[in-house]
């Protein structure tokens, strides 16, 4: 039985292995994007990284040219932080790692749904493939895998410095002005402000949003991982500046004022309905931007 399981997860026949990997990854992607989204649609840089990693893991058995195979080992190494990020996200750090992945993966397969199980198992399945390929690789290929693993981590470390500076600026503006007109005026029109204002209606950062009745459609892993480090709410969740919905002024109004050329909705299967509401409780429409609200900042 154990041998059959090992064959299924890493079949010795490269054609069967590629077929199994392609089918499982394809089904997981289909379930995530068109059935029940867990990660949402990755932003461009994350989509490019994931695509390169998937291509390398699927094509690895057929790559024999030295330099192409070396590049593939570099790419599968970059997939290690990707898979680990997905596992941590599924465990939900904001719930003190009490997410459904950390509680019991088997429950997903037995009691919840096949589509959720498939998406949850995918990172573990891919990590096992990386381990098997590294075990079969030469010393140089092992070092290339390690180097590939370091690339996203180093990029994230460099990302943290400007994130921290903008995070503190955002928090100071909130503490000084609260949810008022002056708050928006105190914020720079940059990448970080766009991400911060987009949390909760455009950018997906929390696992349990799937139970809220709607979900934002985009996922930026660097923003999310940085929030795990820097957001220190009293109850272990986001501070109010990052995840309020409809207090005095809806967050979308600030977003529209500072970034009028950017859309409030993304073309994503999350938005099953025309107004951006999602699958469960349709009365929750997070993207309702009335004409009165759109004109809020005009004439100032």
Protein backbone atom coordinates (compact mmCIF):
# COMPACT_ATOMS: atom_id res chain seq x y z
CA UNK A 1 0.00 0.00 0.00
CA UNK A 2 2.79 2.40 0.94
CA UNK A 3 4.57 1.66 -2.34
CA UNK A 4 1.41 2.46 -4.29
CA UNK A 5 1.07 5.78 -2.48
CA UNK A 6 4.71 6.67 -3.19
CA UNK A 7 4.24 5.72 -6.84
CA UNK A 8 1.20 7.93 -7.06
CA UNK A 9 2.98 10.93 -5.58
CA UNK A 10 6.25 10.40 -7.48
CA UNK A 11 5.82 7.70 -10.11
CA UNK A 12 9.06 6.10 -11.39
CA UNK A 13 7.74 6.27 -14.96
CA UNK A 14 8.35 9.85 -16.04
CA UNK A 15 5.42 9.96 -18.45
CA UNK A 16 2.96 8.70 -15.83
CA UNK A 17 4.51 11.03 -13.25
CA UNK A 18 4.08 14.01 -15.55
CA UNK A 19 0.51 13.00 -16.34
CA UNK A 20 -0.39 12.65 -12.64
CA UNK A 21 1.27 15.95 -11.76
CA UNK A 22 -0.39 17.78 -14.63
CA UNK A 23 -3.84 16.42 -13.82
CA UNK A 24 -3.62 17.12 -10.08
CA UNK A 25 -2.17 20.62 -10.50
CA UNK A 26 -4.64 21.37 -13.28
CA UNK A 27 -7.58 20.27 -11.14
CA UNK A 28 -6.28 22.23 -8.15
CA UNK A 29 -5.94 25.38 -10.26
CA UNK A 30 -9.37 24.85 -11.80
CA UNK A 31 -10.96 24.36 -8.37
CA UNK A 32 -9.19 27.42 -6.98
CA UNK A 33 -10.09 29.76 -9.81
CA UNK A 34 -13.52 28.54 -10.86
CA UNK A 35 -15.10 26.54 -8.00
CA UNK A 36 -14.06 27.73 -4.54
CA UNK A 37 -11.21 30.20 -4.39
CA UNK A 38 -8.84 29.89 -1.47
CA UNK A 39 -5.86 31.94 -2.63
CA UNK A 40 -7.66 34.22 -5.11
CA UNK A 41 -5.95 35.42 -8.27
CA UNK A 42 -2.26 36.19 -7.69
CA UNK A 43 -0.94 39.60 -8.66
CA UNK A 44 1.33 39.72 -11.71
CA UNK A 45 4.71 39.02 -10.11
CA UNK A 46 3.30 36.14 -8.05
CA UNK A 47 1.56 34.68 -11.11
CA UNK A 48 4.84 34.81 -13.08
CA UNK A 49 6.75 33.09 -10.25
CA UNK A 50 4.13 30.38 -9.86
CA UNK A 51 3.91 29.77 -13.62
CA UNK A 52 7.69 29.37 -13.93
CA UNK A 53 7.76 27.02 -10.95
CA UNK A 54 4.88 24.87 -12.27
CA UNK A 55 6.52 24.66 -15.71
CA UNK A 56 9.82 23.57 -14.17
CA UNK A 57 8.27 20.91 -11.93
CA UNK A 58 6.22 19.42 -14.81
CA UNK A 59 8.99 19.49 -17.43
CA UNK A 60 11.89 18.47 -15.18
CA UNK A 61 11.87 14.73 -16.16
CA UNK A 62 12.35 15.67 -19.83
CA UNK A 63 15.12 18.25 -19.38
CA UNK A 64 18.54 16.83 -20.11
CA UNK A 65 20.51 19.76 -21.52
CA UNK A 66 22.83 20.95 -18.75
CA UNK A 67 22.01 24.65 -18.68
CA UNK A 68 18.26 24.23 -19.13
CA UNK A 69 18.18 21.61 -16.38
CA UNK A 70 20.20 23.92 -14.12
CA UNK A 71 17.67 26.71 -14.69
CA UNK A 72 14.87 24.29 -13.85
CA UNK A 73 16.52 23.39 -10.53
CA UNK A 74 16.82 27.10 -9.78
CA UNK A 75 13.10 27.52 -10.49
CA UNK A 76 11.96 24.54 -8.42
CA UNK A 77 14.04 25.93 -5.58
CA UNK A 78 12.09 29.18 -5.80
CA UNK A 79 8.96 27.06 -5.40
CA UNK A 80 9.91 26.05 -1.85
CA UNK A 81 9.03 29.44 -0.29
CA UNK A 82 5.90 29.55 -2.48
CA UNK A 83 4.66 26.20 -1.14
CA UNK A 84 5.58 27.07 2.44
CA UNK A 85 3.77 30.39 2.14
CA UNK A 86 0.64 28.58 0.93
CA UNK A 87 0.80 26.12 3.83
CA UNK A 88 1.22 28.93 6.39
CA UNK A 89 -1.61 30.89 4.78
CA UNK A 90 -3.89 27.85 4.92
CA UNK A 91 -3.01 27.41 8.57
CA UNK A 92 -4.07 31.08 9.08
CA UNK A 93 -1.57 32.90 11.32
CA UNK A 94 -4.27 35.42 12.26
CA UNK A 95 -6.17 32.57 13.89
CA UNK A 96 -3.00 31.46 15.72
CA UNK A 97 -2.50 28.72 13.13
CA UNK A 98 -5.95 27.33 13.77
CA UNK A 99 -6.85 27.12 10.09
CA UNK A 100 -8.27 23.97 8.57
CA UNK A 101 -4.90 22.85 7.21
CA UNK A 102 -3.22 22.82 10.62
CA UNK A 103 -6.19 21.25 12.40
CA UNK A 104 -6.49 18.15 10.25
CA UNK A 105 -5.92 17.94 6.50
CA UNK A 106 -7.72 14.59 6.38
CA UNK A 107 -10.97 16.21 7.52
CA UNK A 108 -10.99 18.27 4.35
CA UNK A 109 -10.91 15.18 2.17
CA UNK A 110 -13.38 13.17 4.27
CA UNK A 111 -15.88 15.69 5.57
CA UNK A 112 -15.66 18.96 3.67
CA UNK A 113 -15.09 18.76 -0.05
CA UNK A 114 -12.79 17.30 -2.68
CA UNK A 115 -12.12 20.71 -4.19
CA UNK A 116 -10.90 22.15 -0.88
CA UNK A 117 -8.79 19.06 -0.20
CA UNK A 118 -7.20 19.22 -3.62
CA UNK A 119 -6.21 22.84 -3.19
CA UNK A 120 -4.92 22.24 0.33
CA UNK A 121 -2.87 19.19 -0.62
CA UNK A 122 -1.25 20.81 -3.68
CA UNK A 123 1.59 22.62 -1.82
CA UNK A 124 2.51 19.43 0.09
CA UNK A 125 2.41 17.39 -3.11
CA UNK A 126 4.72 19.86 -4.88
CA UNK A 127 7.13 19.99 -1.93
CA UNK A 128 7.44 16.22 -2.10
CA UNK A 129 8.32 16.47 -5.79
CA UNK A 130 10.98 19.09 -5.06
CA UNK A 131 12.48 16.82 -2.41
CA UNK A 132 12.56 13.85 -4.80
CA UNK A 133 14.19 15.85 -7.60
CA UNK A 134 16.78 17.32 -5.24
CA UNK A 135 17.56 13.86 -3.90
CA UNK A 136 18.18 12.65 -7.47
CA UNK A 137 20.20 15.72 -8.46
CA UNK A 138 23.94 16.29 -8.47
CA UNK A 139 25.71 18.38 -5.86
CA UNK A 140 25.63 21.39 -8.19
CA UNK A 141 21.90 20.93 -8.76
CA UNK A 142 21.29 20.76 -5.02
CA UNK A 143 23.15 24.07 -4.63
CA UNK A 144 21.11 25.60 -7.44
CA UNK A 145 17.90 24.53 -5.68
CA UNK A 146 19.13 26.17 -2.48
CA UNK A 147 20.00 29.33 -4.43
CA UNK A 148 16.56 29.35 -6.03
CA UNK A 149 14.98 29.03 -2.60
CA UNK A 150 16.94 32.08 -1.42
CA UNK A 151 15.87 34.35 -4.30
CA UNK A 152 12.26 35.05 -3.15
CA UNK A 153 13.41 35.27 0.47
CA UNK A 154 16.11 37.86 -0.33
CA UNK A 155 13.64 39.84 -2.44
CA UNK A 156 11.18 39.80 0.46
CA UNK A 157 13.84 40.99 2.92
CA UNK A 158 14.60 44.00 0.69
CA UNK A 159 10.86 44.59 0.37
CA UNK A 160 10.38 44.80 4.13
CA UNK A 161 12.31 48.09 4.61
CA UNK A 162 10.04 50.31 2.45
CA UNK A 163 7.03 48.35 3.65
CA UNK A 164 7.91 49.14 7.26
CA UNK A 165 8.42 52.86 6.50
CA UNK A 166 5.08 53.13 4.70
CA UNK A 167 3.32 50.99 7.31
CA UNK A 168 4.43 53.37 10.06
CA UNK A 169 3.44 56.41 7.99
CA UNK A 170 0.00 54.90 7.39
CA UNK A 171 -0.44 54.12 11.09
CA UNK A 172 0.64 57.64 12.11
CA UNK A 173 -1.85 59.18 9.69
CA UNK A 174 -4.63 56.99 11.06
CA UNK A 175 -3.75 57.72 14.69
CA UNK A 176 -3.64 61.47 14.00
CA UNK A 177 -6.66 61.90 11.73
CA UNK A 178 -8.68 58.68 11.99
CA UNK A 179 -11.23 57.95 9.29
CA UNK A 180 -11.49 61.54 8.02
CA UNK A 181 -10.70 63.59 4.96
CA UNK A 182 -7.29 64.54 6.37
CA UNK A 183 -6.32 60.89 6.55
CA UNK A 184 -6.35 60.52 2.77
CA UNK A 185 -4.48 63.80 2.30
CA UNK A 186 -1.68 62.56 4.56
CA UNK A 187 -1.05 59.42 2.49
CA UNK A 188 1.41 59.27 -0.43
CA UNK A 189 0.07 58.02 -3.76
CA UNK A 190 2.40 55.05 -3.99
CA UNK A 191 2.38 51.25 -4.27
CA UNK A 192 2.11 50.64 -0.54
CA UNK A 193 -0.79 53.02 0.02
CA UNK A 194 -2.60 51.36 -2.89
CA UNK A 195 -2.11 47.95 -1.30
CA UNK A 196 -3.04 49.10 2.21
CA UNK A 197 -6.24 50.76 1.05
CA UNK A 198 -7.06 47.74 -1.11
CA UNK A 199 -6.96 45.27 1.78
CA UNK A 200 -10.42 43.96 2.50
CA UNK A 201 -12.11 44.80 -0.78
CA UNK A 202 -9.51 44.31 -3.52
CA UNK A 203 -6.62 42.34 -2.00
CA UNK A 204 -7.25 39.06 -0.20
CA UNK A 205 -5.10 38.56 2.90
CA UNK A 206 -7.06 36.41 5.35
CA UNK A 207 -8.15 32.80 5.02
CA UNK A 208 -11.39 33.25 6.93
CA UNK A 209 -12.61 35.83 4.44
CA UNK A 210 -14.19 32.84 2.68
CA UNK A 211 -16.76 32.79 5.49
CA UNK A 212 -17.57 36.50 5.26
CA UNK A 213 -19.93 36.20 2.33
CA UNK A 214 -17.69 37.81 -0.28
CA UNK A 215 -14.00 37.91 -1.03
CA UNK A 216 -11.57 40.35 -2.62
CA UNK A 217 -10.16 38.90 -5.84
CA UNK A 218 -6.40 39.62 -5.77
CA UNK A 219 -3.63 38.13 -3.65
CA UNK A 220 -0.24 39.78 -3.06
CA UNK A 221 1.97 37.37 -1.05
CA UNK A 222 4.62 39.95 -0.12
CA UNK A 223 2.02 42.32 1.34
CA UNK A 224 0.38 39.50 3.24
CA UNK A 225 3.62 38.04 4.62
CA UNK A 226 4.79 41.52 5.66
CA UNK A 227 1.49 42.08 7.48
CA UNK A 228 2.09 38.86 9.41
CA UNK A 229 5.25 40.49 10.73
CA UNK A 230 4.14 44.10 11.25
CA UNK A 231 0.42 44.15 11.99
CA UNK A 232 0.03 44.02 15.77
CA UNK A 233 -3.61 44.49 16.59
CA UNK A 234 -4.71 44.15 20.19
CA UNK A 235 -6.47 40.89 19.42
CA UNK A 236 -3.80 39.54 17.08
CA UNK A 237 -5.63 40.65 13.94
CA UNK A 238 -5.20 43.65 11.68
CA UNK A 239 -5.21 47.08 13.23
CA UNK A 240 -8.35 48.99 12.19
CA UNK A 241 -6.61 51.11 9.50
CA UNK A 242 -6.11 48.06 7.31
CA UNK A 243 -9.34 46.15 7.52
CA UNK A 244 -12.24 48.46 8.15
CA UNK A 245 -15.15 48.22 5.72
CA UNK A 246 -17.85 50.82 6.21
CA UNK A 247 -17.11 53.05 9.18
CA UNK A 248 -17.41 56.84 8.66
CA UNK A 249 -16.11 56.74 5.11
CA UNK A 250 -15.86 53.47 3.15
CA UNK A 251 -12.29 52.58 2.31
CA UNK A 252 -13.18 52.45 -1.39
CA UNK A 253 -13.72 56.20 -1.36
CA UNK A 254 -10.16 56.86 -0.23
CA UNK A 255 -8.92 54.40 -2.83
CA UNK A 256 -10.89 56.08 -5.60
CA UNK A 257 -9.71 59.54 -4.51
CA UNK A 258 -6.01 58.65 -4.42
CA UNK A 259 -6.02 56.27 -7.40
CA UNK A 260 -8.81 57.44 -9.73
CA UNK A 261 -7.31 55.62 -12.74
CA UNK A 262 -7.28 52.21 -11.04
CA UNK A 263 -10.38 49.99 -11.10
CA UNK A 264 -12.21 49.11 -7.90
CA UNK A 265 -12.91 45.61 -9.21
CA UNK A 266 -10.70 42.99 -10.82
CA UNK A 267 -11.76 40.73 -13.67
CA UNK A 268 -11.77 37.60 -11.57
CA UNK A 269 -14.04 34.59 -10.96
CA UNK A 270 -14.45 35.87 -7.39
CA UNK A 271 -16.77 38.48 -8.85
CA UNK A 272 -19.49 36.08 -9.95
CA UNK A 273 -22.05 38.87 -9.95
CA UNK A 274 -21.98 42.12 -11.87
CA UNK A 275 -21.62 44.31 -8.79
CA UNK A 276 -18.75 42.37 -7.22
CA UNK A 277 -20.73 40.37 -4.67
CA UNK A 278 -19.60 36.82 -4.14
CA UNK A 279 -21.16 33.43 -3.70
CA UNK A 280 -22.67 33.17 -0.21
CA UNK A 281 -24.46 36.12 1.39
CA UNK A 282 -25.40 38.34 -1.51
CA UNK A 283 -26.54 41.20 0.67
CA UNK A 284 -22.88 42.05 1.32
CA UNK A 285 -21.69 44.24 -1.53
CA UNK A 286 -18.29 45.61 -0.60
CA UNK A 287 -17.85 47.51 -3.86
CA UNK A 288 -21.01 49.61 -3.90
CA UNK A 289 -19.62 53.04 -4.76
CA UNK A 290 -22.56 55.44 -4.94
CA UNK A 291 -22.49 58.67 -6.95
CA UNK A 292 -22.64 60.65 -3.74
CA UNK A 293 -19.62 58.80 -2.38
CA UNK A 294 -17.71 59.17 -5.64
CA UNK A 295 -18.22 62.93 -5.43
CA UNK A 296 -17.11 63.05 -1.79
CA UNK A 297 -13.73 64.65 -2.45
CA UNK A 298 -14.76 66.82 -5.39
CA UNK A 299 -14.57 70.55 -4.96
CA UNK A 300 -11.96 70.36 -2.21
